[in-house]
Each structure stands twice: as C-alpha cells, then as structure tokens.
Protein backbone atom coordinates (compact mmCIF):
# COMPACT_ATOMS: atom_id res chain seq x y z
CA MET A 1 87.16 104.40 93.45
CA GLU A 2 86.71 107.08 96.10
CA PRO A 3 86.93 110.76 96.93
CA PRO A 4 89.97 111.97 98.91
CA GLY A 5 90.01 110.40 102.38
CA GLY A 6 87.23 108.01 101.44
CA GLY A 7 88.66 105.16 103.46
CA LYS A 8 89.35 102.58 100.75
CA SER A 9 92.36 101.38 102.75
CA ASN A 10 89.94 100.36 105.50
CA ILE A 11 88.18 98.06 103.06
CA LEU A 12 91.47 96.50 101.97
CA ASP A 13 92.60 96.06 105.57
CA ALA A 14 89.33 94.32 106.42
CA LEU A 15 89.65 91.90 103.49
CA MET A 16 93.27 91.29 104.41
CA PHE A 17 92.32 90.59 108.02
CA ALA A 18 89.81 88.00 106.77
CA GLY A 19 92.19 86.35 104.32
CA TYR A 20 95.54 86.53 106.13
CA LEU A 21 95.26 83.15 107.85
CA GLY A 22 94.80 81.43 104.49
CA ARG A 23 98.52 81.62 103.73
CA LEU A 24 99.25 79.55 106.83
CA ALA A 25 97.57 76.58 105.16
CA ARG A 26 100.63 76.51 102.88
CA LEU A 27 103.15 77.26 105.62
CA ASP A 28 105.21 74.10 105.01
CA LYS A 29 105.44 74.42 101.24
CA GLU A 30 105.84 78.19 100.94
CA TYR A 31 107.58 79.29 104.16
CA ASP A 32 109.62 76.21 105.16
CA GLY A 33 107.13 75.46 107.93
CA ASN A 34 108.29 78.42 110.02
CA PHE A 35 105.84 81.18 110.95
CA GLU A 36 108.76 83.57 111.47
CA ASN A 37 109.21 83.50 107.68
CA VAL A 38 105.67 84.79 107.04
CA GLU A 39 104.93 88.44 106.27
CA PRO A 40 103.88 89.99 109.63
CA LEU A 41 100.24 91.03 109.80
CA ALA A 42 101.31 94.33 111.36
CA LEU A 43 103.23 95.33 108.21
CA ILE A 44 100.51 94.22 105.81
CA VAL A 45 97.66 96.11 107.51
CA ARG A 46 99.90 98.92 108.81
CA ALA A 47 98.95 98.54 112.47
CA TYR A 48 101.77 99.36 114.86
CA LYS A 49 99.78 97.81 117.71
CA PRO A 50 96.86 95.31 117.62
CA ASP A 51 94.45 97.83 119.16
CA GLU A 52 94.78 99.94 116.00
CA LEU A 53 92.60 97.35 114.24
CA PHE A 54 89.69 98.27 116.52
CA PRO A 55 87.34 101.19 115.70
CA PHE A 56 88.94 104.29 117.21
CA GLY A 57 91.03 102.00 119.44
CA GLU A 58 88.01 100.95 121.54
CA LEU A 59 88.67 97.31 122.45
CA ASP A 60 85.04 96.57 123.31
CA LYS A 61 84.12 97.25 119.65
CA GLU A 62 85.48 93.96 118.35
CA PRO A 63 85.85 93.91 114.55
CA LYS A 64 83.66 91.25 112.96
CA ILE A 65 83.54 90.19 109.32
CA THR A 66 81.07 87.78 107.73
CA LEU A 67 81.70 86.38 104.27
CA GLN A 68 79.26 84.48 102.08
CA GLY A 69 79.46 83.19 98.54
CA ASP A 70 78.07 80.66 96.12
CA GLY A 71 78.90 77.15 97.25
CA LEU A 72 80.64 78.34 100.44
CA GLN A 73 79.55 77.99 104.03
CA PRO A 74 79.19 81.32 105.84
CA ILE A 75 82.48 82.36 107.42
CA THR A 76 82.71 84.78 110.35
CA LEU A 77 85.89 86.21 111.85
CA LYS A 78 85.95 88.28 115.03
CA ALA A 79 88.99 89.86 116.66
CA SER A 80 89.61 90.36 120.37
CA TYR A 81 92.54 91.81 122.29
CA GLN A 82 93.02 91.18 125.98
CA ARG A 83 95.73 90.10 128.40
CA GLU A 84 98.40 90.96 125.84
CA GLU A 85 97.02 88.39 123.41
CA PHE A 86 95.38 89.03 120.07
CA SER A 87 92.83 86.41 119.03
CA ILE A 88 90.77 85.74 115.94
CA GLU A 89 87.66 83.64 116.43
CA VAL A 90 86.81 81.86 113.19
CA LYS A 91 83.45 80.21 112.52
CA VAL A 92 83.03 78.12 109.39
CA GLY A 93 79.51 76.76 109.26
CA ALA A 94 78.93 75.03 112.60
CA GLN A 95 82.64 74.70 113.41
CA SER A 96 84.53 77.22 115.53
CA PHE A 97 88.27 77.82 115.95
CA THR A 98 90.31 80.34 117.90
CA CYS A 99 93.62 81.59 116.58
CA THR A 100 95.69 83.19 119.34
CA MET A 101 98.71 85.33 118.47
CA SER A 102 101.37 86.52 120.89
CA GLY A 103 104.67 88.35 120.75
CA LEU A 104 102.85 91.59 119.98
CA THR A 105 105.74 94.01 119.77
CA PHE A 106 106.12 95.49 116.29
CA PRO A 107 106.18 93.83 113.81
CA TRP A 108 103.62 91.53 115.38
CA PRO A 109 102.72 88.71 115.77
CA ARG A 110 105.86 86.72 116.51
CA ARG A 111 104.11 83.50 117.56
CA ILE A 112 100.87 81.64 116.85
CA GLU A 113 99.10 78.85 118.69
CA ASN A 114 97.92 75.55 117.19
CA GLY A 115 94.39 76.87 116.72
CA CYS A 116 95.67 79.18 113.98
CA MET A 117 96.68 76.25 111.82
CA ASP A 118 93.33 74.53 112.40
CA ALA A 119 91.53 77.70 111.32
CA ALA A 120 93.82 78.21 108.31
CA HIS A 121 93.00 74.78 106.92
CA ARG A 122 89.27 75.41 107.27
CA ILE A 123 89.20 78.86 105.65
CA PRO A 124 88.64 78.15 101.94
CA PHE A 125 90.34 81.28 100.57
CA GLU A 126 93.47 83.38 100.87
CA ALA A 127 94.16 87.08 100.40
CA ARG A 128 97.21 89.03 99.27
CA LEU A 129 97.46 92.82 99.42
CA TYR A 130 99.92 94.56 97.10
CA GLY A 131 100.64 98.26 97.48
CA PHE A 132 103.81 99.95 96.26
CA ASP A 133 103.33 103.04 98.44
CA ARG A 134 101.80 101.12 101.34
CA TYR A 135 105.11 99.33 101.94
CA GLY A 136 107.47 102.14 100.95
CA LEU A 137 108.88 100.15 98.04
CA GLY A 138 110.16 103.27 96.30
CA SER A 139 112.85 103.72 98.96
CA LEU A 140 116.49 103.29 97.96
CA ARG A 141 117.33 101.95 101.42
CA CYS A 142 116.30 99.25 103.87
CA ALA A 143 114.70 100.11 107.19
CA ASP A 144 115.51 96.58 108.36
CA GLU A 145 115.66 93.08 106.88
CA LEU A 146 111.87 92.97 106.58
CA SER A 147 111.31 96.37 104.96
CA CYS A 148 113.31 97.41 101.90
CA GLY A 149 112.69 99.31 98.71
CA LEU A 150 112.53 97.29 95.50
CA ILE A 151 115.80 98.63 94.07
CA PRO A 152 118.04 97.19 96.83
CA ARG A 153 116.38 93.80 96.44
CA MET A 154 116.16 93.74 92.64
CA THR A 155 119.76 94.74 92.09
CA GLY A 156 121.32 92.59 94.81
CA GLN A 157 122.36 95.49 97.06
CA THR A 158 120.73 93.63 99.94
CA ALA A 159 119.97 89.96 100.44
CA THR A 160 116.75 88.69 98.90
CA TRP A 161 114.74 85.78 100.23
CA ASN A 162 113.40 82.79 98.37
CA LEU A 163 110.23 82.80 100.46
CA PRO A 164 107.41 82.54 99.75
CA ARG A 165 108.38 80.09 97.03
CA SER A 166 105.61 80.50 94.45
CA ILE A 167 104.13 83.99 94.77
CA LEU A 168 105.55 87.48 95.07
CA SER A 169 105.69 88.59 98.68
CA GLU A 170 103.74 91.79 99.19
CA LEU A 171 106.92 93.23 100.70
CA GLY A 172 109.00 92.30 97.65
CA TRP A 173 111.22 89.90 99.61
CA ASN A 174 111.56 87.35 96.79
CA ILE A 175 111.35 89.55 93.71
CA THR A 176 114.54 88.15 92.16
CA LYS A 177 113.15 84.62 92.36
CA VAL A 178 109.77 85.64 90.93
CA ALA A 179 111.36 87.74 88.17
CA ILE A 180 112.90 84.63 86.60
CA VAL A 181 109.49 82.99 86.26
CA GLY A 182 107.85 86.27 85.19
CA ARG A 183 110.38 87.34 82.58
CA ARG A 184 107.62 87.44 79.93
CA VAL A 185 106.11 90.33 81.91
CA LEU A 186 109.40 92.22 81.75
CA HIS A 187 109.57 91.67 78.00
CA LYS A 188 106.07 93.14 77.65
CA ILE A 189 107.16 96.22 79.59
CA ASN A 190 110.25 96.59 77.40
CA MET A 191 108.18 96.41 74.22
CA THR A 192 105.73 99.04 75.48
CA LEU A 193 108.54 101.42 76.44
CA HIS A 194 110.08 100.99 73.00
CA ASP A 195 107.01 100.95 70.76
CA GLU A 196 104.76 103.45 72.53
CA LEU A 197 107.21 105.85 74.13
CA GLY A 198 110.28 105.43 71.94
CA LEU A 199 112.47 104.82 74.99
CA ALA A 200 115.58 102.65 74.89
CA ILE A 201 115.00 101.39 78.44
CA GLU A 202 115.24 97.64 79.01
CA LEU A 203 114.83 95.36 81.98
CA LYS A 204 116.93 92.21 81.92
CA VAL A 205 116.91 89.25 84.29
CA LEU A 206 120.42 88.00 85.05
CA ARG A 207 121.22 84.35 85.76
CA ASP A 208 121.13 84.83 89.51
CA GLY A 209 117.71 86.51 89.32
CA ARG A 210 118.89 90.09 89.76
CA VAL A 211 117.07 92.57 87.56
CA ALA A 212 119.31 94.98 85.69
CA ILE A 213 117.88 98.12 84.08
CA PHE A 214 119.57 99.62 81.03
CA ASP A 215 119.03 103.04 79.46
CA ASN A 216 120.56 103.27 75.97
CA ASP A 217 122.65 100.18 76.74
CA VAL A 218 124.07 101.65 79.95
CA GLU A 219 123.07 100.07 83.26
CA VAL A 220 121.39 102.50 85.63
CA THR A 221 120.92 102.10 89.37
CA GLY A 222 119.41 103.78 92.37
CA GLY A 223 117.54 107.02 91.84
CA SER A 224 118.12 106.92 88.08
CA VAL A 225 115.48 104.21 87.67
CA PRO A 226 112.08 105.72 86.79
CA ASP A 227 109.59 105.20 89.61
CA ALA A 228 106.85 104.28 87.14
CA ILE A 229 108.88 101.31 85.89
CA LEU A 230 109.39 99.94 89.39
CA ARG A 231 105.66 100.22 90.01
CA ILE A 232 104.60 98.34 86.88
CA VAL A 233 107.21 95.61 87.49
CA TYR A 234 105.90 95.09 91.02
CA VAL A 235 102.23 94.95 90.03
CA LEU A 236 102.64 92.73 86.97
CA LEU A 237 104.88 90.25 88.79
CA ALA A 238 102.33 90.15 91.59
CA LEU A 239 99.55 89.31 89.14
CA ARG A 240 101.51 86.75 87.14
CA SER A 241 102.85 84.93 90.21
CA SER A 242 99.39 84.96 91.82
CA VAL A 243 97.95 83.09 88.84
CA ASN A 244 100.70 80.46 89.06
CA TYR A 245 100.18 80.16 92.82
CA ALA A 246 96.43 79.73 92.48
CA LYS A 247 96.82 77.02 89.86
CA LYS A 248 99.50 75.22 91.86
CA TYR A 249 97.34 74.96 94.98
CA GLY A 250 93.87 74.71 93.40
CA LEU A 251 92.87 78.19 94.57
CA ASN A 252 91.09 79.22 91.37
CA ASP A 253 88.54 81.91 92.31
CA ARG A 254 89.58 81.49 95.96
CA LEU A 255 92.70 83.63 95.93
CA ILE A 256 91.86 87.32 96.46
CA VAL A 257 94.52 89.61 95.01
CA MET A 258 94.18 93.22 96.11
CA LEU A 259 96.02 96.03 94.35
CA GLU A 260 96.13 99.37 96.13
CA GLU A 261 96.43 102.27 93.69
CA PRO A 262 98.28 100.27 90.99
CA ALA A 263 97.81 103.12 88.48
CA ALA A 264 99.42 105.78 90.69
CA HIS A 265 102.26 107.66 88.94
CA MET A 266 101.92 105.35 85.95
CA PHE A 267 102.69 106.26 82.34
CA PRO A 268 99.31 106.41 80.50
CA TYR A 269 100.59 103.81 78.02
CA MET A 270 101.28 101.45 80.90
CA LEU A 271 97.63 101.57 81.93
CA ARG A 272 96.81 99.53 78.84
CA ILE A 273 99.12 96.61 79.67
CA LEU A 274 98.07 96.83 83.31
CA ALA A 275 94.43 96.46 82.26
CA GLU A 276 95.34 93.58 79.93
CA GLU A 277 97.18 91.72 82.68
CA LEU A 278 94.26 92.28 85.05
CA VAL A 279 91.86 90.78 82.50
CA GLU A 280 94.09 87.73 82.14
CA ALA A 281 94.59 87.26 85.88
CA ALA A 282 90.87 87.66 86.60
CA ARG A 283 90.23 84.40 84.75
CA THR A 284 91.94 82.59 87.64
CA VAL A 285 91.90 84.78 90.76
CA LYS A 286 89.57 87.33 92.31
CA ILE A 287 90.85 90.88 91.81
CA VAL A 288 90.15 93.91 93.99
CA VAL A 289 91.58 97.22 92.73
CA THR A 290 91.42 100.69 94.27
CA THR A 291 92.10 103.84 92.29
CA HIS A 292 91.48 107.57 91.96
CA ASN A 293 92.37 107.46 88.27
CA PRO A 294 89.40 107.90 85.90
CA LEU A 295 91.48 106.85 82.87
CA PHE A 296 92.27 103.56 84.56
CA VAL A 297 88.64 102.94 85.46
CA SER A 298 87.63 103.59 81.85
CA ALA A 299 90.33 101.19 80.61
CA LEU A 300 89.03 98.46 82.92
CA TRP A 301 85.44 99.05 81.85
CA ASP A 302 86.50 98.77 78.21
CA LYS A 303 88.40 95.51 78.66
CA MET A 304 86.58 93.59 81.41
CA ARG A 305 83.10 92.19 81.04
CA ASP A 306 82.39 90.90 84.53
CA ILE A 307 83.37 93.88 86.65
CA THR A 308 81.67 95.55 89.61
CA THR A 309 82.61 99.12 90.53
CA TYR A 310 82.19 100.47 94.05
CA TYR A 311 82.35 104.02 95.31
CA VAL A 312 83.99 104.13 98.75
CA TYR A 313 83.39 107.04 101.10
CA ARG A 314 83.27 107.92 104.77
CA GLU A 315 80.14 108.88 106.66
CA ARG A 316 80.12 111.69 109.19
CA ASP A 317 80.43 109.09 111.96
CA GLY A 318 83.89 108.22 110.61
CA TYR A 319 82.96 104.75 109.34
CA THR A 320 83.70 103.65 105.79
CA ARG A 321 80.89 102.75 103.40
CA ALA A 322 80.89 101.28 99.89
CA VAL A 323 78.09 101.41 97.31
CA GLU A 324 77.96 99.79 93.90
CA ILE A 325 77.95 102.23 91.01
CA ASP A 326 75.06 101.93 88.53
CA ALA A 327 76.78 102.10 85.14
CA GLU A 328 73.45 102.08 83.28
CA ARG A 329 72.29 105.10 85.28
CA MET A 330 75.53 106.88 84.42
CA ALA A 331 74.96 106.16 80.72
CA GLU A 332 71.40 107.51 80.90
CA LYS A 333 72.63 110.79 82.36
CA LEU A 334 75.77 110.90 80.18
CA ALA A 335 77.85 111.00 83.35
CA THR A 336 81.56 110.13 83.26
CA ILE A 337 83.91 108.74 85.90
CA GLU A 338 85.38 112.24 86.16
CA ASP A 339 81.91 113.52 87.07
CA ILE A 340 81.54 110.90 89.80
CA LEU A 341 84.88 111.76 91.37
CA THR A 342 84.10 115.47 91.54
CA LEU A 343 80.66 115.13 93.16
CA ARG A 344 80.02 115.11 96.89
CA PRO A 345 79.64 111.59 98.33
CA ASP A 346 75.96 112.14 99.23
CA GLU A 347 75.24 113.15 95.62
CA VAL A 348 76.96 110.04 94.23
CA VAL A 349 75.11 107.74 96.63
CA SER A 350 71.68 109.24 95.92
CA GLU A 351 72.10 109.56 92.17
CA TYR A 352 74.34 106.75 90.97
CA SER A 353 74.37 103.87 93.48
CA VAL A 354 72.65 100.60 92.66
CA LYS A 355 71.12 100.42 96.12
CA GLU A 356 69.48 103.81 95.84
CA GLN A 357 68.22 103.25 92.32
CA ASN A 358 66.65 99.95 93.39
CA GLY A 359 64.93 101.57 96.32
CA GLY A 360 67.22 100.14 99.02
CA ASP A 361 67.73 101.70 102.41
C-alpha cells in the first residue's frame, strides 16, 4: 500500500525487470520457440525507450538488483545501454551471463542474443505482472495487434492468440484459450453477482473460447459490459492460470505473480472472492499485490496467515522506498489501515515500520 504518488509501480517494474528473462526458459513450449511471440519488455514495464529504465534517464546510473532467498544462490542483474544495445548482466553465484537485446524501437526488444537463453535457464524464477489499467485493457478498441482491450479479444471482435499456451498473457492475448480452462472462475463470479448483488448477469464460455456476457438473458457487448466484471475476470484468470503454469513447470514458490491495483473499481462483494482466490493461489506461487484500498487490505489480513505488508513511498530525492508495516504496533495503538493511508510518509515510517520499531537505520 502507498500514499498517492508513492512509487509502487517502480517496485513492480524492478521485480519485472528481474523476472522477465525467466519466461524465455519456456520459449519453445509456450511461445513456439519464437521470441517475436513473447510479450515485449517495453509494454510490460511501460518504457518507450530503454533509457527510461535508468534513474532520471542517466545512463551512468545503471540499475542493479540483487535477490537472495532460502536455498537460492545470490542473483544479481545489472542493466546497461550503449551503442544502441540494451544489455542485462546476470550473475548467479559464481557464473556470469550477458543478455544483449537489439531492435530497440518501440515496442522493444525485437531480437535477443544467445546469452539471453543461457541466462534464462540459470535464473531459477519467473515473474508476471498483471495490471488492468497498466495495459489499457478497458479500451473497446485495439491500438495494434499487440495492444487491445479485453472486450475485443473476449468477444472475438479481433483475433486472439493461443500464446502463451498455459498462462494468461499480461496483455490478454490468449484470454479465450485461458477462459476455457478457467471456467470455474467464471461460475464463481456468476454466483457472487446473483447471490450477493441480485444481478442476472452471467458470463458464459462458448465452444470456440469466446466469452459471452448476458444481462437478463440478453447478450450485451461493448460499453454495456460493467468495467468491474472485466477486471475481476482478468485478475482471477491470471491467478488460476498461474497456478496451473507453476505446477506444469515445477515453479512452485518460484513464480512471482504481481497484481497492480486488482481491487480498483471493484464491487465490494468481489473483494471477498478476490481475497479467496489469492489465498488459494498463494499456496503455489508468490503473490505481490499493490493497492490503495483499505477494505481490500483488511480482507487479506483476515484471510491470509503468512502475509507481509509494505508501505511504499518516495523520498525527497525522488527514489522509491518500502518499509514493512508492524501490525502488532498498529494493534497496540488501535490504528487502522485508513489511519496509515492518511498519515504523512515520515509519520508512518517512524511510528509503524518494523525497521524503526526494531531500532534499524
């Protein structure tokens, strides 16, 4: 969670940068062995040019990420951009690999060198970043074949892709294929709309995978489809397909699934099934969620035992920071999530962060 302009997207972009190469390890099985079929890094991290990944565009400040975990060798990734080539230096333990990307016109990269595949097979994890607003999935049109709203793809107004084969593309490319496997999710949404809200809205998967939406037995299309329904369909299919994908490739606890603002514009009743699906998915994959919604945070705290909550904010120097929230301290002071979100960042850090309460610097 964060205050306005706290920079949570920077955290997600950093994790995505670290975990993007992991999908290349399954290039043959998921993308027909063709890198041109992979979601472009530029679209996922929203960087029109590679230099936008560098702090304030200063190329001598090369982004560097170090990851450590139980049973894993330390992994370091460092980016560089020179001579019209974008490179990621990857160190896994004592081994070092360089992934060079070229064809850097948007949406970049268009080509990768052999070192990228070597690095991908050595990185023991993968990351996926889902964000309905990040990718403009509420649009009723297609900007191009890569970027479309969900409605044109779900209803067959534009061609859908079958790639990747086993997990929902962050860009929604293959939603009709994933919807067939995830039809139990759609049934759960239908039941919630009927039982909790008294709405006669139903989502149905047709034989060819297209998703039809009915309101009082009449099919509705385009702008008539409630935005909140599209959002919950996208998020729940992402979670369900991620679990299947992790089990298929032995990525239990090594697939990082990031959800950017999944509770935005959501019916309050939908927060319950969203929290339930997150609890179920967290048994198999690592989940990272960002939100401004105190109701959603409370729902997660009620349903998830092993959960760590971070407060993300920006320092005066423009850099993003994250501190772990001390839930016990909040309970002592009878503070709520609403209280945290209305305080100044310096007050939250000094009063409710684990680091500060433990005497850290």
